[in-house]
Amino acid sequence: MKSSRKPGESRLAGLGEAVWRADALGGTPGATLSSGHLALDQVLPGGGWPLDALSEVLQPPGLHGEWRLLLPVLLRLQQTGSGALVLVGPPHVPFGPALQAQGLAVQRLLWVNPSPMQACLWAAEQALRCAGVLAVMAWLPQALRVRPEQLRRLQLAAQTYGKPLFAMRPAQAQGESSPAVLRLLLAPLPGQPAGQAQGTDSLQLQVLKRRGPPLAQPLQLAGRQGRLVAGLSVGLALAARSAPPE
């Protein structure tokens, strides 16, 4: 009886995970940690965020959905280690009361505000090298004009030192080349302006890049942190009031 397998498939099957087929969801060579969002975990290689790689979170101006997305994994990281979470160049001062209300140990947040802006990349790389750091969040605005080789340097640092780097970038960067292992695009729900999404219950998420076939349909992230959304809205309002006029 002849085998139904095509020539070469038997040999590929024998190689197991050593060979990744582009039409299948790949595994990950390093450790992962659940994102805390079941629908997202189901489409991510390894079932979660890569813990030794650069991941990009892209979003339109005014959305600020990164905390909604990343808070669950940040909580898990704090539970697994005693180091600091480093925030490099956030657009607003982190609103501690809202984050603390969700269980985040704000005394273990290290806020770095590089000046000039070009120092953000250097600061993120140095943070990845530090033994006492759990993870790095870096905000890389469009004005920074990040080059692919600069991102490759950050990806190499994350891989070498075994730490996750979450880079927040503008939505218009989705057409640019990037060495990030994972690229996600956040957006408000259809028909909802980005500037109003901060106080809503859900966000739309599109997987732009992963180790596997393209994800045809966007995901919807249900907001379960109502107090966080409200608290961050207050924090953003206070920051806007205190900002000097342009």
C-alpha atoms as a PDB file:
ATOM      1  CA  MET A   1       0.000   0.000   0.000  1.00  0.00           C
ATOM      2  CA  LYS A   2       1.420   3.332  -1.059  1.00  0.00           C
ATOM      3  CA  SER A   3       1.809   6.145   1.440  1.00  0.00           C
ATOM      4  CA  SER A   4      -0.475   9.160   0.983  1.00  0.00           C
ATOM      5  CA  ARG A   5       2.365  11.495   1.933  1.00  0.00           C
ATOM      6  CA  LYS A   6       4.102  13.515  -0.742  1.00  0.00           C
ATOM      7  CA  PRO A   7       7.807  12.864  -1.402  1.00  0.00           C
ATOM      8  CA  GLY A   8       9.900  14.433   1.305  1.00  0.00           C
ATOM      9  CA  GLU A   9       7.056  14.823   3.829  1.00  0.00           C
ATOM     10  CA  SER A  10       8.162  11.756   5.787  1.00  0.00           C
ATOM     11  CA  ARG A  11      11.636  13.193   6.173  1.00  0.00           C
ATOM     12  CA  LEU A  12      10.217  16.578   7.230  1.00  0.00           C
ATOM     13  CA  ALA A  13       7.954  14.913   9.782  1.00  0.00           C
ATOM     14  CA  GLY A  14      10.961  13.130  11.232  1.00  0.00           C
ATOM     15  CA  LEU A  15      12.686  16.428  11.899  1.00  0.00           C
ATOM     16  CA  GLY A  16       9.909  17.507  14.256  1.00  0.00           C
ATOM     17  CA  GLU A  17      10.206  21.063  15.563  1.00  0.00           C
ATOM     18  CA  ALA A  18      13.600  21.535  13.927  1.00  0.00           C
ATOM     19  CA  VAL A  19      11.770  22.609  10.767  1.00  0.00           C
ATOM     20  CA  TRP A  20       8.994  25.178  10.726  1.00  0.00           C
ATOM     21  CA  ARG A  21       6.483  25.181   7.876  1.00  0.00           C
ATOM     22  CA  ALA A  22       5.156  28.606   6.933  1.00  0.00           C
ATOM     23  CA  ASP A  23       1.584  27.324   6.649  1.00  0.00           C
ATOM     24  CA  ALA A  24       1.548  26.267  10.302  1.00  0.00           C
ATOM     25  CA  LEU A  25       1.682  28.223  13.544  1.00  0.00           C
ATOM     26  CA  GLY A  26       5.279  28.012  14.673  1.00  0.00           C
ATOM     27  CA  GLY A  27       6.597  27.264  18.083  1.00  0.00           C
ATOM     28  CA  THR A  28       9.056  29.592  19.710  1.00  0.00           C
ATOM     29  CA  PRO A  29      12.735  28.863  20.410  1.00  0.00           C
ATOM     30  CA  GLY A  30      12.539  30.632  23.765  1.00  0.00           C
ATOM     31  CA  ALA A  31      10.208  30.833  26.741  1.00  0.00           C
ATOM     32  CA  THR A  32       6.798  32.482  26.565  1.00  0.00           C
ATOM     33  CA  LEU A  33       4.352  33.849  29.116  1.00  0.00           C
ATOM     34  CA  SER A  34       0.591  34.011  28.761  1.00  0.00           C
ATOM     35  CA  SER A  35      -0.715  37.382  27.616  1.00  0.00           C
ATOM     36  CA  GLY A  36      -3.682  37.059  29.960  1.00  0.00           C
ATOM     37  CA  HIS A  37      -6.021  37.316  26.964  1.00  0.00           C
ATOM     38  CA  LEU A  38      -7.263  33.848  25.955  1.00  0.00           C
ATOM     39  CA  ALA A  39      -8.114  34.777  22.362  1.00  0.00           C
ATOM     40  CA  LEU A  40      -4.653  36.261  21.871  1.00  0.00           C
ATOM     41  CA  ASP A  41      -2.817  33.329  23.465  1.00  0.00           C
ATOM     42  CA  GLN A  42      -4.555  30.971  21.044  1.00  0.00           C
ATOM     43  CA  VAL A  43      -2.979  32.670  18.016  1.00  0.00           C
ATOM     44  CA  LEU A  44       0.485  33.374  19.443  1.00  0.00           C
ATOM     45  CA  PRO A  45       3.376  30.937  18.900  1.00  0.00           C
ATOM     46  CA  GLY A  46       4.083  29.231  22.204  1.00  0.00           C
ATOM     47  CA  GLY A  47       0.778  30.499  23.612  1.00  0.00           C
ATOM     48  CA  GLY A  48       2.005  33.858  24.873  1.00  0.00           C
ATOM     49  CA  TRP A  49       4.447  36.767  24.695  1.00  0.00           C
ATOM     50  CA  PRO A  50       8.056  35.818  23.858  1.00  0.00           C
ATOM     51  CA  LEU A  51      10.254  36.471  26.892  1.00  0.00           C
ATOM     52  CA  ASP A  52      13.511  37.050  25.037  1.00  0.00           C
ATOM     53  CA  ALA A  53      12.507  39.126  22.039  1.00  0.00           C
ATOM     54  CA  LEU A  54      11.272  42.442  20.707  1.00  0.00           C
ATOM     55  CA  SER A  55       7.495  42.717  20.373  1.00  0.00           C
ATOM     56  CA  GLU A  56       5.891  45.784  18.807  1.00  0.00           C
ATOM     57  CA  VAL A  57       2.548  47.314  19.774  1.00  0.00           C
ATOM     58  CA  LEU A  58       1.357  49.721  17.095  1.00  0.00           C
ATOM     59  CA  GLN A  59      -1.586  52.083  17.565  1.00  0.00           C
ATOM     60  CA  PRO A  60      -3.026  55.345  16.217  1.00  0.00           C
ATOM     61  CA  PRO A  61      -2.485  58.659  18.030  1.00  0.00           C
ATOM     62  CA  GLY A  62      -4.553  59.115  21.165  1.00  0.00           C
ATOM     63  CA  LEU A  63      -5.403  55.457  21.738  1.00  0.00           C
ATOM     64  CA  HIS A  64      -3.037  54.570  24.642  1.00  0.00           C
ATOM     65  CA  GLY A  65      -4.159  50.926  24.659  1.00  0.00           C
ATOM     66  CA  GLU A  66      -0.793  49.473  25.672  1.00  0.00           C
ATOM     67  CA  TRP A  67      -1.655  49.237  29.368  1.00  0.00           C
ATOM     68  CA  ARG A  68      -4.912  47.441  28.608  1.00  0.00           C
ATOM     69  CA  LEU A  69      -2.982  44.942  26.509  1.00  0.00           C
ATOM     70  CA  LEU A  70       0.146  44.471  28.615  1.00  0.00           C
ATOM     71  CA  LEU A  71      -1.058  44.748  32.209  1.00  0.00           C
ATOM     72  CA  PRO A  72      -1.760  40.991  32.635  1.00  0.00           C
ATOM     73  CA  VAL A  73       1.714  39.945  31.483  1.00  0.00           C
ATOM     74  CA  LEU A  74       3.355  42.697  33.552  1.00  0.00           C
ATOM     75  CA  LEU A  75       1.575  41.365  36.639  1.00  0.00           C
ATOM     76  CA  ARG A  76       2.785  37.845  35.865  1.00  0.00           C
ATOM     77  CA  LEU A  77       6.336  39.072  35.373  1.00  0.00           C
ATOM     78  CA  GLN A  78       6.305  40.766  38.779  1.00  0.00           C
ATOM     79  CA  GLN A  79       5.030  37.550  40.329  1.00  0.00           C
ATOM     80  CA  THR A  80       7.885  35.523  38.846  1.00  0.00           C
ATOM     81  CA  GLY A  81      10.792  37.819  39.733  1.00  0.00           C
ATOM     82  CA  SER A  82      11.934  40.620  42.003  1.00  0.00           C
ATOM     83  CA  GLY A  83      13.338  42.992  39.400  1.00  0.00           C
ATOM     84  CA  ALA A  84      12.061  46.259  37.971  1.00  0.00           C
ATOM     85  CA  LEU A  85       9.831  47.029  35.021  1.00  0.00           C
ATOM     86  CA  VAL A  86      11.517  49.833  33.088  1.00  0.00           C
ATOM     87  CA  LEU A  87       9.387  52.396  31.227  1.00  0.00           C
ATOM     88  CA  VAL A  88      11.441  54.304  28.664  1.00  0.00           C
ATOM     89  CA  GLY A  89       9.985  57.531  27.313  1.00  0.00           C
ATOM     90  CA  PRO A  90       6.250  57.157  28.072  1.00  0.00           C
ATOM     91  CA  PRO A  91       4.247  60.085  26.635  1.00  0.00           C
ATOM     92  CA  HIS A  92       2.704  60.815  30.044  1.00  0.00           C
ATOM     93  CA  VAL A  93       3.773  60.279  33.645  1.00  0.00           C
ATOM     94  CA  PRO A  94       2.530  56.786  34.641  1.00  0.00           C
ATOM     95  CA  PHE A  95      -0.589  57.190  36.812  1.00  0.00           C
ATOM     96  CA  GLY A  96       0.415  55.085  39.807  1.00  0.00           C
ATOM     97  CA  PRO A  97      -2.943  54.869  41.652  1.00  0.00           C
ATOM     98  CA  ALA A  98      -4.693  53.260  38.670  1.00  0.00           C
ATOM     99  CA  LEU A  99      -1.878  50.763  38.093  1.00  0.00           C
ATOM    100  CA  GLN A 100      -1.619  49.942  41.792  1.00  0.00           C
ATOM    101  CA  ALA A 101      -5.382  49.368  41.959  1.00  0.00           C
ATOM    102  CA  GLN A 102      -4.895  46.562  39.434  1.00  0.00           C
ATOM    103  CA  GLY A 103      -2.201  44.878  41.531  1.00  0.00           C
ATOM    104  CA  LEU A 104       0.937  46.258  39.902  1.00  0.00           C
ATOM    105  CA  ALA A 105       3.735  47.016  42.382  1.00  0.00           C
ATOM    106  CA  VAL A 106       4.387  50.612  41.354  1.00  0.00           C
ATOM    107  CA  GLN A 107       7.460  50.848  43.596  1.00  0.00           C
ATOM    108  CA  ARG A 108       9.068  48.414  41.155  1.00  0.00           C
ATOM    109  CA  LEU A 109       8.409  50.623  38.121  1.00  0.00           C
ATOM    110  CA  LEU A 110      11.403  52.587  36.885  1.00  0.00           C
ATOM    111  CA  TRP A 111      10.448  55.583  34.748  1.00  0.00           C
ATOM    112  CA  VAL A 112      13.178  56.799  32.391  1.00  0.00           C
ATOM    113  CA  ASN A 113      12.612  60.029  30.461  1.00  0.00           C
ATOM    114  CA  PRO A 114      15.582  60.332  28.072  1.00  0.00           C
ATOM    115  CA  SER A 115      16.576  63.691  26.682  1.00  0.00           C
ATOM    116  CA  PRO A 116      17.110  64.163  23.820  1.00  0.00           C
ATOM    117  CA  MET A 117      14.493  61.802  22.405  1.00  0.00           C
ATOM    118  CA  GLN A 118      17.155  59.939  20.406  1.00  0.00           C
ATOM    119  CA  ALA A 119      18.478  58.562  23.690  1.00  0.00           C
ATOM    120  CA  CYS A 120      15.367  56.341  24.030  1.00  0.00           C
ATOM    121  CA  LEU A 121      16.972  53.587  21.982  1.00  0.00           C
ATOM    122  CA  TRP A 122      20.191  53.699  23.988  1.00  0.00           C
ATOM    123  CA  ALA A 123      18.282  53.710  27.298  1.00  0.00           C
ATOM    124  CA  ALA A 124      16.162  50.728  26.249  1.00  0.00           C
ATOM    125  CA  GLU A 125      19.238  48.727  25.285  1.00  0.00           C
ATOM    126  CA  GLN A 126      21.027  49.547  28.537  1.00  0.00           C
ATOM    127  CA  ALA A 127      17.956  48.517  30.543  1.00  0.00           C
ATOM    128  CA  LEU A 128      17.889  45.143  28.775  1.00  0.00           C
ATOM    129  CA  ARG A 129      21.493  44.596  29.847  1.00  0.00           C
ATOM    130  CA  CYS A 130      20.724  45.146  33.547  1.00  0.00           C
ATOM    131  CA  ALA A 131      20.455  42.032  35.708  1.00  0.00           C
ATOM    132  CA  GLY A 132      17.843  43.649  37.959  1.00  0.00           C
ATOM    133  CA  VAL A 133      15.345  44.304  35.154  1.00  0.00           C
ATOM    134  CA  LEU A 134      12.357  42.058  34.408  1.00  0.00           C
ATOM    135  CA  ALA A 135      11.136  43.708  31.210  1.00  0.00           C
ATOM    136  CA  VAL A 136      11.334  46.949  29.254  1.00  0.00           C
ATOM    137  CA  MET A 137       8.539  49.045  27.768  1.00  0.00           C
ATOM    138  CA  ALA A 138       9.772  51.658  25.289  1.00  0.00           C
ATOM    139  CA  TRP A 139       7.736  54.336  23.505  1.00  0.00           C
ATOM    140  CA  LEU A 140       9.234  55.118  20.104  1.00  0.00           C
ATOM    141  CA  PRO A 141       7.258  57.975  18.503  1.00  0.00           C
ATOM    142  CA  GLN A 142       7.204  58.742  14.796  1.00  0.00           C
ATOM    143  CA  ALA A 143       9.436  61.763  15.357  1.00  0.00           C
ATOM    144  CA  LEU A 144      12.218  59.401  16.434  1.00  0.00           C
ATOM    145  CA  ARG A 145      12.487  57.990  12.875  1.00  0.00           C
ATOM    146  CA  VAL A 146      13.664  54.579  14.042  1.00  0.00           C
ATOM    147  CA  ARG A 147      15.749  52.680  11.493  1.00  0.00           C
ATOM    148  CA  PRO A 148      15.560  48.883  10.977  1.00  0.00           C
ATOM    149  CA  GLU A 149      19.172  48.420  12.065  1.00  0.00           C
ATOM    150  CA  GLN A 150      18.399  50.171  15.370  1.00  0.00           C
ATOM    151  CA  LEU A 151      15.507  47.794  15.964  1.00  0.00           C
ATOM    152  CA  ARG A 152      17.749  44.837  15.109  1.00  0.00           C
ATOM    153  CA  ARG A 153      20.138  45.989  17.808  1.00  0.00           C
ATOM    154  CA  LEU A 154      17.299  46.030  20.339  1.00  0.00           C
ATOM    155  CA  GLN A 155      16.072  42.602  19.211  1.00  0.00           C
ATOM    156  CA  LEU A 156      19.589  41.208  19.629  1.00  0.00           C
ATOM    157  CA  ALA A 157      19.875  42.711  23.119  1.00  0.00           C
ATOM    158  CA  ALA A 158      16.514  41.248  24.175  1.00  0.00           C
ATOM    159  CA  GLN A 159      17.537  37.834  22.863  1.00  0.00           C
ATOM    160  CA  THR A 160      21.040  37.939  24.344  1.00  0.00           C
ATOM    161  CA  TYR A 161      19.967  39.026  27.828  1.00  0.00           C
ATOM    162  CA  GLY A 162      16.734  37.028  27.900  1.00  0.00           C
ATOM    163  CA  LYS A 163      14.269  39.837  28.535  1.00  0.00           C
ATOM    164  CA  PRO A 164      11.050  40.922  26.827  1.00  0.00           C
ATOM    165  CA  LEU A 165      11.023  44.315  25.150  1.00  0.00           C
ATOM    166  CA  PHE A 166       7.642  45.844  24.331  1.00  0.00           C
ATOM    167  CA  ALA A 167       8.033  48.729  21.886  1.00  0.00           C
ATOM    168  CA  MET A 168       5.107  51.110  21.380  1.00  0.00           C
ATOM    169  CA  ARG A 169       5.144  52.585  17.882  1.00  0.00           C
ATOM    170  CA  PRO A 170       2.717  54.599  15.738  1.00  0.00           C
ATOM    171  CA  ALA A 171       0.280  52.758  13.484  1.00  0.00           C
ATOM    172  CA  GLN A 172       1.866  54.220  10.357  1.00  0.00           C
ATOM    173  CA  ALA A 173       5.005  52.163  11.088  1.00  0.00           C
ATOM    174  CA  GLN A 174       3.167  48.968  10.097  1.00  0.00           C
ATOM    175  CA  GLY A 175       4.434  49.310   6.533  1.00  0.00           C
ATOM    176  CA  GLU A 176       8.070  49.540   7.635  1.00  0.00           C
ATOM    177  CA  SER A 177      10.500  46.656   7.877  1.00  0.00           C
ATOM    178  CA  SER A 178      11.022  45.377  11.416  1.00  0.00           C
ATOM    179  CA  PRO A 179      12.968  42.498  13.009  1.00  0.00           C
ATOM    180  CA  ALA A 180      10.380  42.214  15.801  1.00  0.00           C
ATOM    181  CA  VAL A 181       9.304  38.629  16.422  1.00  0.00           C
ATOM    182  CA  LEU A 182       5.740  39.787  17.044  1.00  0.00           C
ATOM    183  CA  ARG A 183       3.886  42.856  15.743  1.00  0.00           C
ATOM    184  CA  LEU A 184       0.388  43.767  16.919  1.00  0.00           C
ATOM    185  CA  LEU A 185      -1.814  46.633  15.765  1.00  0.00           C
ATOM    186  CA  LEU A 186      -4.315  48.075  18.243  1.00  0.00           C
ATOM    187  CA  ALA A 187      -7.300  50.056  17.027  1.00  0.00           C
ATOM    188  CA  PRO A 188     -10.575  51.351  18.429  1.00  0.00           C
ATOM    189  CA  LEU A 189     -13.676  49.389  17.574  1.00  0.00           C
ATOM    190  CA  PRO A 190     -15.145  50.232  14.159  1.00  0.00           C
ATOM    191  CA  GLY A 191     -16.930  53.559  14.231  1.00  0.00           C
ATOM    192  CA  GLN A 192     -15.217  54.698  17.414  1.00  0.00           C
ATOM    193  CA  PRO A 193     -12.664  57.552  17.289  1.00  0.00           C
ATOM    194  CA  ALA A 194      -9.245  56.671  18.704  1.00  0.00           C
ATOM    195  CA  GLY A 195      -9.368  59.545  21.149  1.00  0.00           C
ATOM    196  CA  GLN A 196     -12.486  58.110  22.798  1.00  0.00           C
ATOM    197  CA  ALA A 197     -11.180  54.552  23.119  1.00  0.00           C
ATOM    198  CA  GLN A 198      -9.491  55.169  26.454  1.00  0.00           C
ATOM    199  CA  GLY A 199     -12.774  54.955  28.324  1.00  0.00           C
ATOM    200  CA  THR A 200     -14.302  52.015  26.448  1.00  0.00           C
ATOM    201  CA  ASP A 201     -14.535  48.337  27.250  1.00  0.00           C
ATOM    202  CA  SER A 202     -12.978  46.734  24.180  1.00  0.00           C
ATOM    203  CA  LEU A 203     -10.253  47.156  21.599  1.00  0.00           C
ATOM    204  CA  GLN A 204      -9.610  45.619  18.211  1.00  0.00           C
ATOM    205  CA  LEU A 205      -6.290  43.840  17.744  1.00  0.00           C
ATOM    206  CA  GLN A 206      -4.684  42.706  14.502  1.00  0.00           C
ATOM    207  CA  VAL A 207      -1.687  40.360  14.397  1.00  0.00           C
ATOM    208  CA  LEU A 208       0.561  41.870  11.725  1.00  0.00           C
ATOM    209  CA  LYS A 209       3.492  39.510  12.191  1.00  0.00           C
ATOM    210  CA  ARG A 210       4.029  36.227  13.978  1.00  0.00           C
ATOM    211  CA  ARG A 211       5.836  32.969  13.299  1.00  0.00           C
ATOM    212  CA  GLY A 212       3.052  31.426  11.288  1.00  0.00           C
ATOM    213  CA  PRO A 213       0.480  32.145   8.593  1.00  0.00           C
ATOM    214  CA  PRO A 214      -1.187  35.562   8.484  1.00  0.00           C
ATOM    215  CA  LEU A 215      -4.182  36.007  10.782  1.00  0.00           C
ATOM    216  CA  ALA A 216      -7.059  36.963   8.501  1.00  0.00           C
ATOM    217  CA  GLN A 217      -9.490  38.324  11.072  1.00  0.00           C
ATOM    218  CA  PRO A 218      -8.746  40.853  13.838  1.00  0.00           C
ATOM    219  CA  LEU A 219      -9.367  39.920  17.457  1.00  0.00           C
ATOM    220  CA  GLN A 220     -11.472  41.821  19.946  1.00  0.00           C
ATOM    221  CA  LEU A 221     -10.038  42.327  23.418  1.00  0.00           C
ATOM    222  CA  ALA A 222     -12.760  42.693  26.010  1.00  0.00           C
ATOM    223  CA  GLY A 223     -11.800  45.155  28.721  1.00  0.00           C
ATOM    224  CA  ARG A 224     -11.889  43.578  32.158  1.00  0.00           C
ATOM    225  CA  GLN A 225      -9.978  46.325  33.952  1.00  0.00           C
ATOM    226  CA  GLY A 226     -12.682  48.969  34.300  1.00  0.00           C
ATOM    227  CA  ARG A 227     -10.940  50.737  37.166  1.00  0.00           C
ATOM    228  CA  LEU A 228      -7.723  50.859  35.190  1.00  0.00           C
ATOM    229  CA  VAL A 229      -9.431  52.454  32.186  1.00  0.00           C
ATOM    230  CA  ALA A 230     -11.123  55.044  34.380  1.00  0.00           C
ATOM    231  CA  GLY A 231      -7.944  55.757  36.328  1.00  0.00           C
ATOM    232  CA  LEU A 232      -5.809  56.155  33.248  1.00  0.00           C
ATOM    233  CA  SER A 233      -8.403  58.493  31.757  1.00  0.00           C
ATOM    234  CA  VAL A 234      -8.080  60.665  34.858  1.00  0.00           C
ATOM    235  CA  GLY A 235      -4.295  60.525  34.610  1.00  0.00           C
ATOM    236  CA  LEU A 236      -4.324  61.581  30.964  1.00  0.00           C
ATOM    237  CA  ALA A 237      -6.718  64.423  31.724  1.00  0.00           C
ATOM    238  CA  LEU A 238      -4.455  65.681  34.515  1.00  0.00           C
ATOM    239  CA  ALA A 239      -1.418  65.438  32.242  1.00  0.00           C
ATOM    240  CA  ALA A 240      -3.202  67.390  29.522  1.00  0.00           C
ATOM    241  CA  ARG A 241      -4.147  70.147  31.974  1.00  0.00           C
ATOM    242  CA  SER A 242      -0.640  70.459  33.353  1.00  0.00           C
ATOM    243  CA  ALA A 243       1.060  70.443  29.949  1.00  0.00           C
ATOM    244  CA  PRO A 244       2.376  73.853  28.837  1.00  0.00           C
ATOM    245  CA  PRO A 245       0.546  75.435  25.893  1.00  0.00           C
ATOM    246  CA  GLU A 246       2.123  74.826  22.478  1.00  0.00           C
END
